[in-house]
C-alpha atoms as a PDB file:
ATOM      1  CA  MET A   1     -27.218 -50.876  14.235  1.00  0.00           C
ATOM      2  CA  SER A   2     -28.591 -47.445  15.113  1.00  0.00           C
ATOM      3  CA  ILE A   3     -25.151 -46.316  16.280  1.00  0.00           C
ATOM      4  CA  VAL A   4     -23.489 -47.553  13.085  1.00  0.00           C
ATOM      5  CA  ARG A   5     -26.126 -45.801  10.988  1.00  0.00           C
ATOM      6  CA  ASP A   6     -25.645 -42.545  12.887  1.00  0.00           C
ATOM      7  CA  ILE A   7     -21.865 -42.701  12.553  1.00  0.00           C
ATOM      8  CA  THR A   8     -22.140 -43.411   8.834  1.00  0.00           C
ATOM      9  CA  ARG A   9     -24.520 -40.502   8.383  1.00  0.00           C
ATOM     10  CA  SER A  10     -22.200 -38.198  10.357  1.00  0.00           C
ATOM     11  CA  VAL A  11     -19.227 -39.223   8.228  1.00  0.00           C
ATOM     12  CA  ARG A  12     -21.201 -38.560   5.046  1.00  0.00           C
ATOM     13  CA  ILE A  13     -22.372 -35.153   6.247  1.00  0.00           C
ATOM     14  CA  THR A  14     -18.831 -34.234   7.272  1.00  0.00           C
ATOM     15  CA  PHE A  15     -17.474 -35.298   3.897  1.00  0.00           C
ATOM     16  CA  VAL A  16     -20.139 -33.328   2.004  1.00  0.00           C
ATOM     17  CA  LEU A  17     -19.492 -30.194   4.088  1.00  0.00           C
ATOM     18  CA  TRP A  18     -15.731 -30.572   3.570  1.00  0.00           C
ATOM     19  CA  LEU A  19     -16.243 -30.981  -0.161  1.00  0.00           C
ATOM     20  CA  LEU A  20     -18.446 -27.886  -0.337  1.00  0.00           C
ATOM     21  CA  THR A  21     -16.404 -25.579   1.907  1.00  0.00           C
ATOM     22  CA  ALA A  22     -12.836 -26.758   1.308  1.00  0.00           C
ATOM     23  CA  VAL A  23     -12.918 -27.736  -2.372  1.00  0.00           C
ATOM     24  CA  ILE A  24     -15.890 -26.525  -4.393  1.00  0.00           C
ATOM     25  CA  TYR A  25     -16.344 -23.065  -2.851  1.00  0.00           C
ATOM     26  CA  PRO A  26     -12.619 -22.108  -2.994  1.00  0.00           C
ATOM     27  CA  LEU A  27     -12.392 -23.320  -6.601  1.00  0.00           C
ATOM     28  CA  ILE A  28     -15.423 -21.225  -7.570  1.00  0.00           C
ATOM     29  CA  MET A  29     -13.907 -18.156  -5.881  1.00  0.00           C
ATOM     30  CA  ILE A  30     -10.563 -18.722  -7.648  1.00  0.00           C
ATOM     31  CA  VAL A  31     -12.259 -19.028 -11.036  1.00  0.00           C
ATOM     32  CA  ILE A  32     -14.404 -15.914 -10.459  1.00  0.00           C
ATOM     33  CA  GLY A  33     -11.364 -13.954  -9.272  1.00  0.00           C
ATOM     34  CA  GLN A  34      -9.120 -14.979 -12.154  1.00  0.00           C
ATOM     35  CA  VAL A  35     -11.778 -14.438 -14.808  1.00  0.00           C
ATOM     36  CA  PHE A  36     -13.464 -11.236 -13.626  1.00  0.00           C
ATOM     37  CA  PHE A  37     -10.932  -9.635 -11.217  1.00  0.00           C
ATOM     38  CA  PRO A  38      -7.469 -10.923 -12.177  1.00  0.00           C
ATOM     39  CA  PHE A  39      -5.628  -7.761 -11.115  1.00  0.00           C
ATOM     40  CA  GLN A  40      -7.159  -7.692  -7.636  1.00  0.00           C
ATOM     41  CA  ALA A  41      -7.064 -11.480  -7.188  1.00  0.00           C
ATOM     42  CA  ASN A  42      -3.327 -11.593  -7.849  1.00  0.00           C
ATOM     43  CA  GLY A  43      -2.436  -8.896  -5.326  1.00  0.00           C
ATOM     44  CA  SER A  44      -2.896  -5.690  -7.360  1.00  0.00           C
ATOM     45  CA  ILE A  45       0.715  -5.964  -8.530  1.00  0.00           C
ATOM     46  CA  VAL A  46       2.161  -2.857 -10.196  1.00  0.00           C
ATOM     47  CA  GLN A  47       4.897  -3.100 -12.830  1.00  0.00           C
ATOM     48  CA  ASN A  48       7.508  -0.586 -13.942  1.00  0.00           C
ATOM     49  CA  LEU A  49       8.235   0.441 -17.521  1.00  0.00           C
ATOM     50  CA  GLU A  50      10.427  -2.628 -17.987  1.00  0.00           C
ATOM     51  CA  GLY A  51       7.583  -4.944 -17.000  1.00  0.00           C
ATOM     52  CA  GLN A  52       9.127  -5.831 -13.648  1.00  0.00           C
ATOM     53  CA  ASN A  53       6.960  -6.158 -10.555  1.00  0.00           C
ATOM     54  CA  VAL A  54       7.683  -3.218  -8.253  1.00  0.00           C
ATOM     55  CA  GLY A  55       5.043  -3.682  -5.584  1.00  0.00           C
ATOM     56  CA  SER A  56       1.358  -3.780  -4.825  1.00  0.00           C
ATOM     57  CA  ALA A  57      -1.020  -0.859  -5.241  1.00  0.00           C
ATOM     58  CA  LEU A  58      -2.383  -1.841  -1.819  1.00  0.00           C
ATOM     59  CA  ILE A  59       0.928  -1.368   0.036  1.00  0.00           C
ATOM     60  CA  GLY A  60       2.913   1.843   0.276  1.00  0.00           C
ATOM     61  CA  GLN A  61       6.590   2.327  -0.446  1.00  0.00           C
ATOM     62  CA  VAL A  62       9.286   4.780   0.579  1.00  0.00           C
ATOM     63  CA  PHE A  63      10.061   7.553  -1.943  1.00  0.00           C
ATOM     64  CA  THR A  64      12.876   9.959  -1.158  1.00  0.00           C
ATOM     65  CA  SER A  65      13.766  11.443  -4.561  1.00  0.00           C
ATOM     66  CA  ASP A  66      12.426  14.896  -5.439  1.00  0.00           C
ATOM     67  CA  HIS A  67      11.219  13.333  -8.702  1.00  0.00           C
ATOM     68  CA  TYR A  68       8.511  11.482  -6.785  1.00  0.00           C
ATOM     69  CA  PHE A  69       5.682  12.292  -4.420  1.00  0.00           C
ATOM     70  CA  GLN A  70       6.548  11.351  -0.866  1.00  0.00           C
ATOM     71  CA  SER A  71       4.522   8.805   1.078  1.00  0.00           C
ATOM     72  CA  ARG A  72       3.471   9.085   4.691  1.00  0.00           C
ATOM     73  CA  PRO A  73       5.828   7.697   7.384  1.00  0.00           C
ATOM     74  CA  SER A  74       5.633   4.048   8.377  1.00  0.00           C
ATOM     75  CA  ALA A  75       6.486   2.513  11.740  1.00  0.00           C
ATOM     76  CA  VAL A  76       7.502  -0.698   9.946  1.00  0.00           C
ATOM     77  CA  ASN A  77       9.097   1.088   6.958  1.00  0.00           C
ATOM     78  CA  TYR A  78       6.377  -0.484   4.770  1.00  0.00           C
ATOM     79  CA  SER A  79       7.698  -3.911   5.776  1.00  0.00           C
ATOM     80  CA  SER A  80      10.871  -3.382   3.765  1.00  0.00           C
ATOM     81  CA  PHE A  81      13.276  -4.234   6.571  1.00  0.00           C
ATOM     82  CA  THR A  82      15.497  -7.239   5.950  1.00  0.00           C
ATOM     83  CA  GLN A  83      15.722 -10.112   8.375  1.00  0.00           C
ATOM     84  CA  GLN A  84      19.411  -9.265   8.734  1.00  0.00           C
ATOM     85  CA  GLU A  85      18.404  -6.706  11.316  1.00  0.00           C
ATOM     86  CA  ARG A  86      16.628  -9.376  13.362  1.00  0.00           C
ATOM     87  CA  ASP A  87      18.235 -12.604  12.207  1.00  0.00           C
ATOM     88  CA  PRO A  88      21.683 -12.416  10.509  1.00  0.00           C
ATOM     89  CA  GLU A  89      21.203 -15.906   9.097  1.00  0.00           C
ATOM     90  CA  ASN A  90      18.195 -14.842   6.981  1.00  0.00           C
ATOM     91  CA  ILE A  91      19.582 -11.898   5.012  1.00  0.00           C
ATOM     92  CA  GLY A  92      17.353 -10.242   2.443  1.00  0.00           C
ATOM     93  CA  GLN A  93      14.048 -11.855   3.362  1.00  0.00           C
ATOM     94  CA  LYS A  94      10.968  -9.678   3.787  1.00  0.00           C
ATOM     95  CA  THR A  95       9.455  -9.432   7.235  1.00  0.00           C
ATOM     96  CA  GLY A  96       5.859  -9.117   6.063  1.00  0.00           C
ATOM     97  CA  VAL A  97       5.008  -7.201   9.227  1.00  0.00           C
ATOM     98  CA  SER A  98       2.276  -4.646   9.713  1.00  0.00           C
ATOM     99  CA  GLY A  99       1.587  -2.390  12.634  1.00  0.00           C
ATOM    100  CA  ALA A 100       2.100   0.880  14.436  1.00  0.00           C
ATOM    101  CA  SER A 101       4.816   1.959  16.866  1.00  0.00           C
ATOM    102  CA  ASN A 102       2.337   1.889  19.769  1.00  0.00           C
ATOM    103  CA  PHE A 103       4.125   4.883  21.272  1.00  0.00           C
ATOM    104  CA  ALA A 104       1.990   7.070  23.516  1.00  0.00           C
ATOM    105  CA  PRO A 105       1.534  10.710  22.420  1.00  0.00           C
ATOM    106  CA  SER A 106       3.847  11.779  25.239  1.00  0.00           C
ATOM    107  CA  ASN A 107       6.583   9.274  24.361  1.00  0.00           C
ATOM    108  CA  PRO A 108       9.909  11.108  23.781  1.00  0.00           C
ATOM    109  CA  ASP A 109      10.851   8.739  20.924  1.00  0.00           C
ATOM    110  CA  LEU A 110       7.623   9.550  19.104  1.00  0.00           C
ATOM    111  CA  LEU A 111       8.089  13.279  19.600  1.00  0.00           C
ATOM    112  CA  ALA A 112      11.678  13.041  18.366  1.00  0.00           C
ATOM    113  CA  ARG A 113      10.581  11.136  15.259  1.00  0.00           C
ATOM    114  CA  ILE A 114       7.835  13.687  14.516  1.00  0.00           C
ATOM    115  CA  ASN A 115      10.209  16.627  14.930  1.00  0.00           C
ATOM    116  CA  GLU A 116      12.725  14.957  12.654  1.00  0.00           C
ATOM    117  CA  THR A 117      10.055  14.305  10.019  1.00  0.00           C
ATOM    118  CA  VAL A 118       8.823  17.909  10.175  1.00  0.00           C
ATOM    119  CA  ALA A 119      12.382  19.185   9.759  1.00  0.00           C
ATOM    120  CA  GLN A 120      12.963  16.915   6.758  1.00  0.00           C
ATOM    121  CA  LEU A 121       9.731  18.041   5.104  1.00  0.00           C
ATOM    122  CA  GLU A 122      10.494  21.711   5.635  1.00  0.00           C
ATOM    123  CA  GLU A 123      14.020  21.225   4.307  1.00  0.00           C
ATOM    124  CA  ARG A 124      12.580  19.764   1.099  1.00  0.00           C
ATOM    125  CA  GLY A 125      10.030  22.548   0.810  1.00  0.00           C
ATOM    126  CA  ILE A 126       7.017  20.375   1.665  1.00  0.00           C
ATOM    127  CA  LEU A 127       4.278  21.764   3.899  1.00  0.00           C
ATOM    128  CA  PRO A 128       4.014  19.340   6.866  1.00  0.00           C
ATOM    129  CA  THR A 129       0.433  18.046   6.796  1.00  0.00           C
ATOM    130  CA  ALA A 130      -0.835  15.535   9.351  1.00  0.00           C
ATOM    131  CA  ASP A 131      -0.647  12.507   7.059  1.00  0.00           C
ATOM    132  CA  LEU A 132       2.960  13.298   6.116  1.00  0.00           C
ATOM    133  CA  ILE A 133       3.903  13.532   9.796  1.00  0.00           C
ATOM    134  CA  TYR A 134       1.982  10.719  11.457  1.00  0.00           C
ATOM    135  CA  ALA A 135       2.255   7.076  10.423  1.00  0.00           C
ATOM    136  CA  SER A 136      -0.815   5.011   9.656  1.00  0.00           C
ATOM    137  CA  GLY A 137      -2.051   2.338  12.043  1.00  0.00           C
ATOM    138  CA  SER A 138      -1.110  -0.473   9.669  1.00  0.00           C
ATOM    139  CA  GLY A 139       2.187   1.032   8.569  1.00  0.00           C
ATOM    140  CA  LEU A 140       1.320  -0.047   5.017  1.00  0.00           C
ATOM    141  CA  ASP A 141      -1.053   2.710   3.846  1.00  0.00           C
ATOM    142  CA  PRO A 142      -0.321   3.594   0.185  1.00  0.00           C
ATOM    143  CA  HIS A 143      -2.374   6.816   0.254  1.00  0.00           C
ATOM    144  CA  ILE A 144      -1.811  10.441   1.127  1.00  0.00           C
ATOM    145  CA  THR A 145      -4.427  13.175   1.237  1.00  0.00           C
ATOM    146  CA  VAL A 146      -5.187  15.259  -1.827  1.00  0.00           C
ATOM    147  CA  GLU A 147      -3.879  18.282   0.077  1.00  0.00           C
ATOM    148  CA  ALA A 148      -0.547  16.551   0.748  1.00  0.00           C
ATOM    149  CA  ALA A 149      -0.223  15.653  -2.921  1.00  0.00           C
ATOM    150  CA  PHE A 150      -0.840  19.203  -4.131  1.00  0.00           C
ATOM    151  CA  ASN A 151       1.588  20.525  -1.507  1.00  0.00           C
ATOM    152  CA  GLN A 152       4.291  18.499  -3.257  1.00  0.00           C
ATOM    153  CA  LEU A 153       3.215  19.396  -6.793  1.00  0.00           C
ATOM    154  CA  GLU A 154       5.569  22.334  -7.330  1.00  0.00           C
ATOM    155  CA  ARG A 155       8.597  20.416  -6.044  1.00  0.00           C
ATOM    156  CA  VAL A 156       7.982  17.357  -8.234  1.00  0.00           C
ATOM    157  CA  ALA A 157       7.190  19.490 -11.287  1.00  0.00           C
ATOM    158  CA  GLN A 158      10.407  21.461 -10.869  1.00  0.00           C
ATOM    159  CA  ALA A 159      12.505  18.318 -10.396  1.00  0.00           C
ATOM    160  CA  ARG A 160      11.071  16.783 -13.571  1.00  0.00           C
ATOM    161  CA  ASN A 161      11.141  19.995 -15.628  1.00  0.00           C
ATOM    162  CA  LEU A 162       7.393  19.815 -16.071  1.00  0.00           C
ATOM    163  CA  SER A 163       4.666  22.336 -15.407  1.00  0.00           C
ATOM    164  CA  PRO A 164       2.293  21.761 -12.465  1.00  0.00           C
ATOM    165  CA  GLU A 165      -0.567  21.773 -14.986  1.00  0.00           C
ATOM    166  CA  GLU A 166       0.895  18.643 -16.583  1.00  0.00           C
ATOM    167  CA  ILE A 167       1.028  16.729 -13.314  1.00  0.00           C
ATOM    168  CA  ALA A 168      -2.172  17.935 -11.625  1.00  0.00           C
ATOM    169  CA  PRO A 169      -4.463  15.738 -13.795  1.00  0.00           C
ATOM    170  CA  LEU A 170      -2.479  12.676 -12.663  1.00  0.00           C
ATOM    171  CA  ILE A 171      -3.262  13.511  -9.040  1.00  0.00           C
ATOM    172  CA  ALA A 172      -6.962  13.629  -9.879  1.00  0.00           C
ATOM    173  CA  LYS A 173      -6.668  10.383 -11.855  1.00  0.00           C
ATOM    174  CA  HIS A 174      -5.203   8.466  -8.922  1.00  0.00           C
ATOM    175  CA  THR A 175      -7.423   9.966  -6.232  1.00  0.00           C
ATOM    176  CA  GLN A 176      -9.703   7.354  -4.717  1.00  0.00           C
ATOM    177  CA  GLY A 177     -12.963   8.512  -3.177  1.00  0.00           C
ATOM    178  CA  ARG A 178     -14.627   7.557   0.065  1.00  0.00           C
ATOM    179  CA  PHE A 179     -15.369   3.882   0.625  1.00  0.00           C
ATOM    180  CA  LEU A 180     -19.003   3.287  -0.319  1.00  0.00           C
ATOM    181  CA  TRP A 181     -19.189   7.079  -0.838  1.00  0.00           C
ATOM    182  CA  VAL A 182     -19.471   7.520   2.955  1.00  0.00           C
ATOM    183  CA  PHE A 183     -16.504   6.190   4.936  1.00  0.00           C
ATOM    184  CA  GLY A 184     -13.095   7.831   5.144  1.00  0.00           C
ATOM    185  CA  GLU A 185     -11.668  10.643   3.056  1.00  0.00           C
ATOM    186  CA  PRO A 186     -10.417  10.799  -0.546  1.00  0.00           C
ATOM    187  CA  GLY A 187      -6.805   9.678  -0.875  1.00  0.00           C
ATOM    188  CA  VAL A 188      -4.126   9.638  -3.571  1.00  0.00           C
ATOM    189  CA  ASN A 189      -2.378   6.332  -4.274  1.00  0.00           C
ATOM    190  CA  VAL A 190       1.291   7.378  -4.215  1.00  0.00           C
ATOM    191  CA  LEU A 191       2.721   4.293  -5.922  1.00  0.00           C
ATOM    192  CA  ASN A 192       0.320   4.534  -8.853  1.00  0.00           C
ATOM    193  CA  LEU A 193       0.865   8.289  -9.109  1.00  0.00           C
ATOM    194  CA  ASN A 194       4.653   7.985  -9.150  1.00  0.00           C
ATOM    195  CA  ARG A 195       4.516   5.207 -11.703  1.00  0.00           C
ATOM    196  CA  GLU A 196       2.313   7.393 -13.899  1.00  0.00           C
ATOM    197  CA  LEU A 197       4.942  10.121 -13.697  1.00  0.00           C
ATOM    198  CA  ASP A 198       7.536   7.724 -15.093  1.00  0.00           C
ATOM    199  CA  VAL A 199       5.142   6.734 -17.874  1.00  0.00           C
ATOM    200  CA  LEU A 200       4.539  10.406 -18.670  1.00  0.00           C
ATOM    201  CA  GLN A 201       8.242  11.025 -19.180  1.00  0.00           C
ATOM    202  CA  ALA A 202       9.087   7.686 -20.747  1.00  0.00           C
ATOM    203  CA  PRO A 203      11.002   8.121 -24.035  1.00  0.00           C
ATOM    204  CA  LEU A 204       8.975   7.380 -27.133  1.00  0.00           C
ATOM    205  CA  GLU A 205      10.127   4.292 -29.042  1.00  0.00           C
END
């Protein structure tokens, strides 16, 4: 009888713990997230002027037009590769990968990529700062330094027929400070900044 009682008690405890950790707690977190932090809870999705989802404010994107601020390089191209390059039967699917190239500083491929990036930046009139040359560890970083943003200010302003004074406040607006006011350095969210540029020049209805 003692064994049966112990087994029954163990089953009850297991069920209660499962109910608390696998049902009640997740439901509470979902409700709190959707009520108080809906933007963050749903992936910090950013929309364009047409209301279409264009990405997440937490993940960088590639910008090549002179009308936009350029992001830092990415070893995984911000996970925008298609599976066609790896699996021809799954064309158009996102890889969802994150990571660095893992090349050593002396690796010829890394040096060639850096030299190519520097040449491209100089050709576009952008001062090659460290964050615009070296990729982030995750390959998904949406930020550049404030210095890198201001180094691109003249080029973007000229391409959009705007004055630098009109764009500079947007850089300040989308500059995020140090985490907990201590860790890291201030960074400019490129996706949010570029979207704000489109909003600035959107035709009035």
